[in-house]
mmCIF file of all heavy atoms, coordinates in Angstrom:
data_MODEL
# 
_entry.id   MODEL 
# 
loop_
_atom_site.group_PDB 
_atom_site.id 
_atom_site.type_symbol 
_atom_site.label_atom_id 
_atom_site.label_alt_id 
_atom_site.label_comp_id 
_atom_site.label_asym_id 
_atom_site.label_entity_id 
_atom_site.label_seq_id 
_atom_site.pdbx_PDB_ins_code 
_atom_site.Cartn_x 
_atom_site.Cartn_y 
_atom_site.Cartn_z 
_atom_site.occupancy 
_atom_site.B_iso_or_equiv 
_atom_site.pdbx_formal_charge 
_atom_site.auth_seq_id 
_atom_site.auth_comp_id 
_atom_site.auth_asym_id 
_atom_site.auth_atom_id 
_atom_site.pdbx_PDB_model_num 
ATOM 1   N N   . ALA A 1 1  ? 21.461 -19.317 110.634 1.00 0.00 ? 1  ALA A N   1 
ATOM 2   C CA  . ALA A 1 1  ? 20.270 -19.963 110.078 1.00 0.00 ? 1  ALA A CA  1 
ATOM 3   C C   . ALA A 1 1  ? 19.192 -20.224 111.083 1.00 0.00 ? 1  ALA A C   1 
ATOM 4   O O   . ALA A 1 1  ? 17.971 -20.047 110.796 1.00 0.00 ? 1  ALA A O   1 
ATOM 5   C CB  . ALA A 1 1  ? 20.703 -21.297 109.421 1.00 0.00 ? 1  ALA A CB  1 
ATOM 6   N N   . GLU A 1 2  ? 19.586 -20.612 112.305 1.00 0.00 ? 2  GLU A N   1 
ATOM 7   C CA  . GLU A 1 2  ? 18.582 -21.020 113.294 1.00 0.00 ? 2  GLU A CA  1 
ATOM 8   C C   . GLU A 1 2  ? 18.253 -19.998 114.353 1.00 0.00 ? 2  GLU A C   1 
ATOM 9   O O   . GLU A 1 2  ? 17.150 -19.983 114.911 1.00 0.00 ? 2  GLU A O   1 
ATOM 10  C CB  . GLU A 1 2  ? 19.057 -22.316 114.003 1.00 0.00 ? 2  GLU A CB  1 
ATOM 11  C CG  . GLU A 1 2  ? 19.124 -23.501 113.041 1.00 0.00 ? 2  GLU A CG  1 
ATOM 12  C CD  . GLU A 1 2  ? 19.470 -24.805 113.779 1.00 0.00 ? 2  GLU A CD  1 
ATOM 13  O OE1 . GLU A 1 2  ? 20.166 -24.759 114.817 1.00 0.00 ? 2  GLU A OE1 1 
ATOM 14  O OE2 . GLU A 1 2  ? 19.066 -25.846 113.278 1.00 0.00 ? 2  GLU A OE2 1 
ATOM 15  N N   . GLU A 1 3  ? 19.206 -19.095 114.616 1.00 0.00 ? 3  GLU A N   1 
ATOM 16  C CA  . GLU A 1 3  ? 19.013 -18.155 115.736 1.00 0.00 ? 3  GLU A CA  1 
ATOM 17  C C   . GLU A 1 3  ? 18.943 -16.717 115.285 1.00 0.00 ? 3  GLU A C   1 
ATOM 18  O O   . GLU A 1 3  ? 18.837 -15.830 116.099 1.00 0.00 ? 3  GLU A O   1 
ATOM 19  C CB  . GLU A 1 3  ? 20.167 -18.311 116.747 1.00 0.00 ? 3  GLU A CB  1 
ATOM 20  C CG  . GLU A 1 3  ? 20.361 -19.742 117.251 1.00 0.00 ? 3  GLU A CG  1 
ATOM 21  C CD  . GLU A 1 3  ? 19.136 -20.311 117.940 1.00 0.00 ? 3  GLU A CD  1 
ATOM 22  O OE1 . GLU A 1 3  ? 18.329 -19.530 118.518 1.00 0.00 ? 3  GLU A OE1 1 
ATOM 23  O OE2 . GLU A 1 3  ? 18.962 -21.567 117.895 1.00 0.00 ? 3  GLU A OE2 1 
ATOM 24  N N   . GLY A 1 4  ? 19.028 -16.497 113.978 1.00 0.00 ? 4  GLY A N   1 
ATOM 25  C CA  . GLY A 1 4  ? 18.822 -15.151 113.450 1.00 0.00 ? 4  GLY A CA  1 
ATOM 26  C C   . GLY A 1 4  ? 19.988 -14.199 113.597 1.00 0.00 ? 4  GLY A C   1 
ATOM 27  O O   . GLY A 1 4  ? 19.841 -12.979 113.430 1.00 0.00 ? 4  GLY A O   1 
ATOM 28  N N   . THR A 1 5  ? 21.202 -14.727 113.881 1.00 0.00 ? 5  THR A N   1 
ATOM 29  C CA  . THR A 1 5  ? 22.376 -13.872 113.906 1.00 0.00 ? 5  THR A CA  1 
ATOM 30  C C   . THR A 1 5  ? 22.791 -13.547 112.491 1.00 0.00 ? 5  THR A C   1 
ATOM 31  O O   . THR A 1 5  ? 22.278 -14.106 111.511 1.00 0.00 ? 5  THR A O   1 
ATOM 32  C CB  . THR A 1 5  ? 23.543 -14.531 114.664 1.00 0.00 ? 5  THR A CB  1 
ATOM 33  O OG1 . THR A 1 5  ? 23.805 -15.807 114.061 1.00 0.00 ? 5  THR A OG1 1 
ATOM 34  C CG2 . THR A 1 5  ? 23.167 -14.766 116.120 1.00 0.00 ? 5  THR A CG2 1 
ATOM 35  N N   . SER A 1 6  ? 23.731 -12.639 112.362 1.00 0.00 ? 6  SER A N   1 
ATOM 36  C CA  . SER A 1 6  ? 24.207 -12.249 111.026 1.00 0.00 ? 6  SER A CA  1 
ATOM 37  C C   . SER A 1 6  ? 25.715 -12.201 110.988 1.00 0.00 ? 6  SER A C   1 
ATOM 38  O O   . SER A 1 6  ? 26.310 -11.226 110.559 1.00 0.00 ? 6  SER A O   1 
ATOM 39  C CB  . SER A 1 6  ? 23.593 -10.890 110.636 1.00 0.00 ? 6  SER A CB  1 
ATOM 40  O OG  . SER A 1 6  ? 23.908 -9.915  111.615 1.00 0.00 ? 6  SER A OG  1 
ATOM 41  N N   . TYR A 1 7  ? 26.360 -13.256 111.454 1.00 0.00 ? 7  TYR A N   1 
ATOM 42  C CA  . TYR A 1 7  ? 27.807 -13.295 111.509 1.00 0.00 ? 7  TYR A CA  1 
ATOM 43  C C   . TYR A 1 7  ? 28.380 -13.418 110.108 1.00 0.00 ? 7  TYR A C   1 
ATOM 44  O O   . TYR A 1 7  ? 27.991 -14.271 109.315 1.00 0.00 ? 7  TYR A O   1 
ATOM 45  C CB  . TYR A 1 7  ? 28.279 -14.475 112.338 1.00 0.00 ? 7  TYR A CB  1 
ATOM 46  C CG  . TYR A 1 7  ? 27.899 -14.421 113.804 1.00 0.00 ? 7  TYR A CG  1 
ATOM 47  C CD1 . TYR A 1 7  ? 27.244 -15.491 114.410 1.00 0.00 ? 7  TYR A CD1 1 
ATOM 48  C CD2 . TYR A 1 7  ? 28.181 -13.298 114.575 1.00 0.00 ? 7  TYR A CD2 1 
ATOM 49  C CE1 . TYR A 1 7  ? 26.914 -15.457 115.751 1.00 0.00 ? 7  TYR A CE1 1 
ATOM 50  C CE2 . TYR A 1 7  ? 27.857 -13.262 115.913 1.00 0.00 ? 7  TYR A CE2 1 
ATOM 51  C CZ  . TYR A 1 7  ? 27.201 -14.340 116.488 1.00 0.00 ? 7  TYR A CZ  1 
ATOM 52  O OH  . TYR A 1 7  ? 26.857 -14.282 117.817 1.00 0.00 ? 7  TYR A OH  1 
ATOM 53  N N   . ASP A 1 8  ? 29.332 -12.519 109.786 1.00 0.00 ? 8  ASP A N   1 
ATOM 54  C CA  . ASP A 1 8  ? 30.095 -12.649 108.560 1.00 0.00 ? 8  ASP A CA  1 
ATOM 55  C C   . ASP A 1 8  ? 31.311 -13.485 108.872 1.00 0.00 ? 8  ASP A C   1 
ATOM 56  O O   . ASP A 1 8  ? 32.302 -12.995 109.360 1.00 0.00 ? 8  ASP A O   1 
ATOM 57  C CB  . ASP A 1 8  ? 30.486 -11.279 108.052 1.00 0.00 ? 8  ASP A CB  1 
ATOM 58  C CG  . ASP A 1 8  ? 31.278 -11.303 106.737 1.00 0.00 ? 8  ASP A CG  1 
ATOM 59  O OD1 . ASP A 1 8  ? 31.480 -12.429 106.224 1.00 0.00 ? 8  ASP A OD1 1 
ATOM 60  O OD2 . ASP A 1 8  ? 31.709 -10.245 106.254 1.00 0.00 ? 8  ASP A OD2 1 
ATOM 61  N N   . TYR A 1 9  ? 31.215 -14.764 108.549 1.00 0.00 ? 9  TYR A N   1 
ATOM 62  C CA  . TYR A 1 9  ? 32.236 -15.723 108.969 1.00 0.00 ? 9  TYR A CA  1 
ATOM 63  C C   . TYR A 1 9  ? 33.150 -16.193 107.834 1.00 0.00 ? 9  TYR A C   1 
ATOM 64  O O   . TYR A 1 9  ? 33.923 -17.142 108.042 1.00 0.00 ? 9  TYR A O   1 
ATOM 65  C CB  . TYR A 1 9  ? 31.579 -16.908 109.636 1.00 0.00 ? 9  TYR A CB  1 
ATOM 66  C CG  . TYR A 1 9  ? 30.757 -17.773 108.708 1.00 0.00 ? 9  TYR A CG  1 
ATOM 67  C CD1 . TYR A 1 9  ? 31.307 -18.843 108.008 1.00 0.00 ? 9  TYR A CD1 1 
ATOM 68  C CD2 . TYR A 1 9  ? 29.398 -17.501 108.481 1.00 0.00 ? 9  TYR A CD2 1 
ATOM 69  C CE1 . TYR A 1 9  ? 30.550 -19.608 107.168 1.00 0.00 ? 9  TYR A CE1 1 
ATOM 70  C CE2 . TYR A 1 9  ? 28.648 -18.243 107.637 1.00 0.00 ? 9  TYR A CE2 1 
ATOM 71  C CZ  . TYR A 1 9  ? 29.223 -19.317 106.966 1.00 0.00 ? 9  TYR A CZ  1 
ATOM 72  O OH  . TYR A 1 9  ? 28.496 -20.072 106.114 1.00 0.00 ? 9  TYR A OH  1 
ATOM 73  N N   . HIS A 1 10 ? 33.087 -15.543 106.693 1.00 0.00 ? 10 HIS A N   1 
ATOM 74  C CA  . HIS A 1 10 ? 33.860 -16.008 105.564 1.00 0.00 ? 10 HIS A CA  1 
ATOM 75  C C   . HIS A 1 10 ? 35.360 -16.071 105.914 1.00 0.00 ? 10 HIS A C   1 
ATOM 76  O O   . HIS A 1 10 ? 36.096 -16.983 105.440 1.00 0.00 ? 10 HIS A O   1 
ATOM 77  C CB  . HIS A 1 10 ? 33.655 -15.100 104.366 1.00 0.00 ? 10 HIS A CB  1 
ATOM 78  C CG  . HIS A 1 10 ? 34.358 -15.568 103.138 1.00 0.00 ? 10 HIS A CG  1 
ATOM 79  N ND1 . HIS A 1 10 ? 33.789 -16.529 102.278 1.00 0.00 ? 10 HIS A ND1 1 
ATOM 80  C CD2 . HIS A 1 10 ? 35.575 -15.263 102.592 1.00 0.00 ? 10 HIS A CD2 1 
ATOM 81  C CE1 . HIS A 1 10 ? 34.649 -16.777 101.284 1.00 0.00 ? 10 HIS A CE1 1 
ATOM 82  N NE2 . HIS A 1 10 ? 35.727 -16.035 101.458 1.00 0.00 ? 10 HIS A NE2 1 
ATOM 83  N N   . LYS A 1 11 ? 35.832 -15.151 106.772 1.00 0.00 ? 11 LYS A N   1 
ATOM 84  C CA  . LYS A 1 11 ? 37.267 -15.177 107.094 1.00 0.00 ? 11 LYS A CA  1 
ATOM 85  C C   . LYS A 1 11 ? 37.644 -16.428 107.848 1.00 0.00 ? 11 LYS A C   1 
ATOM 86  O O   . LYS A 1 11 ? 38.799 -16.856 107.804 1.00 0.00 ? 11 LYS A O   1 
ATOM 87  C CB  . LYS A 1 11 ? 37.647 -13.930 107.871 1.00 0.00 ? 11 LYS A CB  1 
ATOM 88  C CG  . LYS A 1 11 ? 37.172 -13.817 109.278 1.00 0.00 ? 11 LYS A CG  1 
ATOM 89  C CD  . LYS A 1 11 ? 37.727 -12.557 109.959 1.00 0.00 ? 11 LYS A CD  1 
ATOM 90  C CE  . LYS A 1 11 ? 37.287 -12.391 111.395 1.00 0.00 ? 11 LYS A CE  1 
ATOM 91  N NZ  . LYS A 1 11 ? 37.822 -11.143 111.992 1.00 0.00 ? 11 LYS A NZ  1 
ATOM 92  N N   . ILE A 1 12 ? 36.692 -17.040 108.550 1.00 0.00 ? 12 ILE A N   1 
ATOM 93  C CA  . ILE A 1 12 ? 37.018 -18.308 109.254 1.00 0.00 ? 12 ILE A CA  1 
ATOM 94  C C   . ILE A 1 12 ? 37.288 -19.403 108.236 1.00 0.00 ? 12 ILE A C   1 
ATOM 95  O O   . ILE A 1 12 ? 38.202 -20.221 108.421 1.00 0.00 ? 12 ILE A O   1 
ATOM 96  C CB  . ILE A 1 12 ? 35.864 -18.724 110.195 1.00 0.00 ? 12 ILE A CB  1 
ATOM 97  C CG1 . ILE A 1 12 ? 35.616 -17.648 111.277 1.00 0.00 ? 12 ILE A CG1 1 
ATOM 98  C CG2 . ILE A 1 12 ? 36.144 -20.047 110.855 1.00 0.00 ? 12 ILE A CG2 1 
ATOM 99  C CD1 . ILE A 1 12 ? 34.479 -17.988 112.220 1.00 0.00 ? 12 ILE A CD1 1 
ATOM 100 N N   . LEU A 1 13 ? 36.526 -19.420 107.151 1.00 0.00 ? 13 LEU A N   1 
ATOM 101 C CA  . LEU A 1 13 ? 36.821 -20.381 106.091 1.00 0.00 ? 13 LEU A CA  1 
ATOM 102 C C   . LEU A 1 13 ? 38.155 -20.066 105.428 1.00 0.00 ? 13 LEU A C   1 
ATOM 103 O O   . LEU A 1 13 ? 38.933 -20.993 105.139 1.00 0.00 ? 13 LEU A O   1 
ATOM 104 C CB  . LEU A 1 13 ? 35.691 -20.352 105.054 1.00 0.00 ? 13 LEU A CB  1 
ATOM 105 C CG  . LEU A 1 13 ? 34.351 -20.935 105.502 1.00 0.00 ? 13 LEU A CG  1 
ATOM 106 C CD1 . LEU A 1 13 ? 33.241 -20.646 104.522 1.00 0.00 ? 13 LEU A CD1 1 
ATOM 107 C CD2 . LEU A 1 13 ? 34.492 -22.430 105.734 1.00 0.00 ? 13 LEU A CD2 1 
ATOM 108 N N   . ASP A 1 14 ? 38.447 -18.799 105.177 1.00 0.00 ? 14 ASP A N   1 
ATOM 109 C CA  . ASP A 1 14 ? 39.741 -18.451 104.638 1.00 0.00 ? 14 ASP A CA  1 
ATOM 110 C C   . ASP A 1 14 ? 40.867 -18.871 105.596 1.00 0.00 ? 14 ASP A C   1 
ATOM 111 O O   . ASP A 1 14 ? 41.895 -19.422 105.154 1.00 0.00 ? 14 ASP A O   1 
ATOM 112 C CB  . ASP A 1 14 ? 39.833 -16.955 104.342 1.00 0.00 ? 14 ASP A CB  1 
ATOM 113 C CG  . ASP A 1 14 ? 39.080 -16.558 103.079 1.00 0.00 ? 14 ASP A CG  1 
ATOM 114 O OD1 . ASP A 1 14 ? 38.826 -17.437 102.235 1.00 0.00 ? 14 ASP A OD1 1 
ATOM 115 O OD2 . ASP A 1 14 ? 38.767 -15.361 102.936 1.00 0.00 ? 14 ASP A OD2 1 
ATOM 116 N N   . TRP A 1 15 ? 40.682 -18.611 106.876 1.00 0.00 ? 15 TRP A N   1 
ATOM 117 C CA  . TRP A 1 15 ? 41.704 -19.012 107.833 1.00 0.00 ? 15 TRP A CA  1 
ATOM 118 C C   . TRP A 1 15 ? 41.878 -20.537 107.854 1.00 0.00 ? 15 TRP A C   1 
ATOM 119 O O   . TRP A 1 15 ? 42.990 -21.023 108.035 1.00 0.00 ? 15 TRP A O   1 
ATOM 120 C CB  . TRP A 1 15 ? 41.295 -18.545 109.258 1.00 0.00 ? 15 TRP A CB  1 
ATOM 121 C CG  . TRP A 1 15 ? 41.474 -17.083 109.450 1.00 0.00 ? 15 TRP A CG  1 
ATOM 122 C CD1 . TRP A 1 15 ? 42.184 -16.204 108.678 1.00 0.00 ? 15 TRP A CD1 1 
ATOM 123 C CD2 . TRP A 1 15 ? 40.873 -16.306 110.529 1.00 0.00 ? 15 TRP A CD2 1 
ATOM 124 N NE1 . TRP A 1 15 ? 42.075 -14.943 109.226 1.00 0.00 ? 15 TRP A NE1 1 
ATOM 125 C CE2 . TRP A 1 15 ? 41.288 -14.962 110.341 1.00 0.00 ? 15 TRP A CE2 1 
ATOM 126 C CE3 . TRP A 1 15 ? 40.074 -16.625 111.592 1.00 0.00 ? 15 TRP A CE3 1 
ATOM 127 C CZ2 . TRP A 1 15 ? 40.914 -13.930 111.212 1.00 0.00 ? 15 TRP A CZ2 1 
ATOM 128 C CZ3 . TRP A 1 15 ? 39.670 -15.600 112.452 1.00 0.00 ? 15 TRP A CZ3 1 
ATOM 129 C CH2 . TRP A 1 15 ? 40.086 -14.262 112.277 1.00 0.00 ? 15 TRP A CH2 1 
ATOM 130 N N   . THR A 1 16 ? 40.814 -21.286 107.687 1.00 0.00 ? 16 THR A N   1 
ATOM 131 C CA  . THR A 1 16 ? 40.891 -22.746 107.656 1.00 0.00 ? 16 THR A CA  1 
ATOM 132 C C   . THR A 1 16 ? 41.729 -23.224 106.450 1.00 0.00 ? 16 THR A C   1 
ATOM 133 O O   . THR A 1 16 ? 42.533 -24.130 106.573 1.00 0.00 ? 16 THR A O   1 
ATOM 134 C CB  . THR A 1 16 ? 39.487 -23.357 107.577 1.00 0.00 ? 16 THR A CB  1 
ATOM 135 O OG1 . THR A 1 16 ? 38.771 -23.024 108.783 1.00 0.00 ? 16 THR A OG1 1 
ATOM 136 C CG2 . THR A 1 16 ? 39.537 -24.875 107.443 1.00 0.00 ? 16 THR A CG2 1 
ATOM 137 N N   . PHE A 1 17 ? 41.522 -22.575 105.320 1.00 0.00 ? 17 PHE A N   1 
ATOM 138 C CA  . PHE A 1 17 ? 42.114 -23.095 104.073 1.00 0.00 ? 17 PHE A CA  1 
ATOM 139 C C   . PHE A 1 17 ? 43.439 -22.468 103.684 1.00 0.00 ? 17 PHE A C   1 
ATOM 140 O O   . PHE A 1 17 ? 44.319 -23.123 103.118 1.00 0.00 ? 17 PHE A O   1 
ATOM 141 C CB  . PHE A 1 17 ? 41.127 -22.877 102.921 1.00 0.00 ? 17 PHE A CB  1 
ATOM 142 C CG  . PHE A 1 17 ? 40.028 -23.906 102.843 1.00 0.00 ? 17 PHE A CG  1 
ATOM 143 C CD1 . PHE A 1 17 ? 38.838 -23.703 103.537 1.00 0.00 ? 17 PHE A CD1 1 
ATOM 144 C CD2 . PHE A 1 17 ? 40.172 -25.049 102.109 1.00 0.00 ? 17 PHE A CD2 1 
ATOM 145 C CE1 . PHE A 1 17 ? 37.825 -24.664 103.493 1.00 0.00 ? 17 PHE A CE1 1 
ATOM 146 C CE2 . PHE A 1 17 ? 39.167 -26.020 102.068 1.00 0.00 ? 17 PHE A CE2 1 
ATOM 147 C CZ  . PHE A 1 17 ? 37.986 -25.799 102.751 1.00 0.00 ? 17 PHE A CZ  1 
ATOM 148 N N   . ASP A 1 18 ? 43.652 -21.222 104.007 1.00 0.00 ? 18 ASP A N   1 
ATOM 149 C CA  . ASP A 1 18 ? 44.692 -20.437 103.332 1.00 0.00 ? 18 ASP A CA  1 
ATOM 150 C C   . ASP A 1 18 ? 46.144 -20.741 103.697 1.00 0.00 ? 18 ASP A C   1 
ATOM 151 O O   . ASP A 1 18 ? 47.053 -20.391 102.966 1.00 0.00 ? 18 ASP A O   1 
ATOM 152 C CB  . ASP A 1 18 ? 44.456 -18.942 103.538 1.00 0.00 ? 18 ASP A CB  1 
ATOM 153 C CG  . ASP A 1 18 ? 43.378 -18.384 102.636 1.00 0.00 ? 18 ASP A CG  1 
ATOM 154 O OD1 . ASP A 1 18 ? 42.880 -19.152 101.783 1.00 0.00 ? 18 ASP A OD1 1 
ATOM 155 O OD2 . ASP A 1 18 ? 43.020 -17.192 102.784 1.00 0.00 ? 18 ASP A OD2 1 
ATOM 156 N N   . GLY A 1 19 ? 46.375 -21.349 104.863 1.00 0.00 ? 19 GLY A N   1 
ATOM 157 C CA  . GLY A 1 19 ? 47.733 -21.614 105.266 1.00 0.00 ? 19 GLY A CA  1 
ATOM 158 C C   . GLY A 1 19 ? 48.442 -20.345 105.744 1.00 0.00 ? 19 GLY A C   1 
ATOM 159 O O   . GLY A 1 19 ? 49.672 -20.258 105.652 1.00 0.00 ? 19 GLY A O   1 
ATOM 160 N N   . THR A 1 20 ? 47.675 -19.361 106.223 1.00 0.00 ? 20 THR A N   1 
ATOM 161 C CA  . THR A 1 20 ? 48.264 -18.101 106.702 1.00 0.00 ? 20 THR A CA  1 
ATOM 162 C C   . THR A 1 20 ? 48.336 -18.037 108.208 1.00 0.00 ? 20 THR A C   1 
ATOM 163 O O   . THR A 1 20 ? 48.544 -16.942 108.774 1.00 0.00 ? 20 THR A O   1 
ATOM 164 C CB  . THR A 1 20 ? 47.437 -16.924 106.176 1.00 0.00 ? 20 THR A CB  1 
ATOM 165 O OG1 . THR A 1 20 ? 46.053 -17.063 106.611 1.00 0.00 ? 20 THR A OG1 1 
ATOM 166 C CG2 . THR A 1 20 ? 47.452 -16.862 104.656 1.00 0.00 ? 20 THR A CG2 1 
ATOM 167 N N   . SER A 1 21 ? 48.165 -19.165 108.883 1.00 0.00 ? 21 SER A N   1 
ATOM 168 C CA  . SER A 1 21 ? 48.182 -19.155 110.336 1.00 0.00 ? 21 SER A CA  1 
ATOM 169 C C   . SER A 1 21 ? 49.492 -18.647 110.891 1.00 0.00 ? 21 SER A C   1 
ATOM 170 O O   . SER A 1 21 ? 50.569 -18.947 110.357 1.00 0.00 ? 21 SER A O   1 
ATOM 171 C CB  . SER A 1 21 ? 47.909 -20.565 110.863 1.00 0.00 ? 21 SER A CB  1 
ATOM 172 O OG  . SER A 1 21 ? 47.954 -20.599 112.294 1.00 0.00 ? 21 SER A OG  1 
ATOM 173 N N   . VAL A 1 22 ? 49.411 -17.871 111.947 1.00 0.00 ? 22 VAL A N   1 
ATOM 174 C CA  . VAL A 1 22 ? 50.619 -17.385 112.616 1.00 0.00 ? 22 VAL A CA  1 
ATOM 175 C C   . VAL A 1 22 ? 50.853 -18.266 113.858 1.00 0.00 ? 22 VAL A C   1 
ATOM 176 O O   . VAL A 1 22 ? 49.976 -18.948 114.346 1.00 0.00 ? 22 VAL A O   1 
ATOM 177 C CB  . VAL A 1 22 ? 50.483 -15.885 113.012 1.00 0.00 ? 22 VAL A CB  1 
ATOM 178 C CG1 . VAL A 1 22 ? 50.329 -15.024 111.792 1.00 0.00 ? 22 VAL A CG1 1 
ATOM 179 C CG2 . VAL A 1 22 ? 49.304 -15.682 113.959 1.00 0.00 ? 22 VAL A CG2 1 
ATOM 180 N N   . CYS A 1 23 ? 52.040 -18.185 114.380 1.00 0.00 ? 23 CYS A N   1 
ATOM 181 C CA  . CYS A 1 23 ? 52.534 -19.042 115.468 1.00 0.00 ? 23 CYS A CA  1 
ATOM 182 C C   . CYS A 1 23 ? 52.662 -20.480 114.960 1.00 0.00 ? 23 CYS A C   1 
ATOM 183 O O   . CYS A 1 23 ? 53.781 -20.971 114.790 1.00 0.00 ? 23 CYS A O   1 
ATOM 184 C CB  . CYS A 1 23 ? 51.665 -19.001 116.693 1.00 0.00 ? 23 CYS A CB  1 
ATOM 185 S SG  . CYS A 1 23 ? 52.440 -19.795 118.140 1.00 0.00 ? 23 CYS A SG  1 
ATOM 186 N N   . ARG A 1 24 ? 51.596 -21.173 114.681 1.00 0.00 ? 24 ARG A N   1 
ATOM 187 C CA  . ARG A 1 24 ? 51.681 -22.471 114.004 1.00 0.00 ? 24 ARG A CA  1 
ATOM 188 C C   . ARG A 1 24 ? 51.711 -22.167 112.496 1.00 0.00 ? 24 ARG A C   1 
ATOM 189 O O   . ARG A 1 24 ? 50.726 -22.302 111.779 1.00 0.00 ? 24 ARG A O   1 
ATOM 190 C CB  . ARG A 1 24 ? 50.564 -23.401 114.362 1.00 0.00 ? 24 ARG A CB  1 
ATOM 191 C CG  . ARG A 1 24 ? 50.854 -24.824 113.883 1.00 0.00 ? 24 ARG A CG  1 
ATOM 192 C CD  . ARG A 1 24 ? 50.108 -25.869 114.698 1.00 0.00 ? 24 ARG A CD  1 
ATOM 193 N NE  . ARG A 1 24 ? 50.682 -27.169 114.475 1.00 0.00 ? 24 ARG A NE  1 
ATOM 194 C CZ  . ARG A 1 24 ? 50.146 -28.272 114.956 1.00 0.00 ? 24 ARG A CZ  1 
ATOM 195 N NH1 . ARG A 1 24 ? 49.054 -28.207 115.676 1.00 0.00 ? 24 ARG A NH1 1 
ATOM 196 N NH2 . ARG A 1 24 ? 50.703 -29.443 114.741 1.00 0.00 ? 24 ARG A NH2 1 
ATOM 197 N N   . GLU A 1 25 ? 52.859 -21.732 112.071 1.00 0.00 ? 25 GLU A N   1 
ATOM 198 C CA  . GLU A 1 25 ? 53.020 -21.156 110.750 1.00 0.00 ? 25 GLU A CA  1 
ATOM 199 C C   . GLU A 1 25 ? 52.543 -22.105 109.650 1.00 0.00 ? 25 GLU A C   1 
ATOM 200 O O   . GLU A 1 25 ? 52.897 -23.262 109.602 1.00 0.00 ? 25 GLU A O   1 
ATOM 201 C CB  . GLU A 1 25 ? 54.474 -20.788 110.511 1.00 0.00 ? 25 GLU A CB  1 
ATOM 202 C CG  . GLU A 1 25 ? 54.756 -20.162 109.161 1.00 0.00 ? 25 GLU A CG  1 
ATOM 203 C CD  . GLU A 1 25 ? 56.233 -19.949 108.890 1.00 0.00 ? 25 GLU A CD  1 
ATOM 204 O OE1 . GLU A 1 25 ? 57.043 -20.366 109.742 1.00 0.00 ? 25 GLU A OE1 1 
ATOM 205 O OE2 . GLU A 1 25 ? 56.550 -19.405 107.809 1.00 0.00 ? 25 GLU A OE2 1 
ATOM 206 N N   . GLY A 1 26 ? 51.680 -21.560 108.786 1.00 0.00 ? 26 GLY A N   1 
ATOM 207 C CA  . GLY A 1 26 ? 51.299 -22.271 107.590 1.00 0.00 ? 26 GLY A CA  1 
ATOM 208 C C   . GLY A 1 26 ? 50.221 -23.322 107.750 1.00 0.00 ? 26 GLY A C   1 
ATOM 209 O O   . GLY A 1 26 ? 49.913 -24.036 106.794 1.00 0.00 ? 26 GLY A O   1 
# 
């Protein structure tokens, strides 16, 4: 929004919510 980048970060939100983390399982 502020610096003009175009990061597709939706997967970070999925990683936050989905409970699919590895090593620290779930």
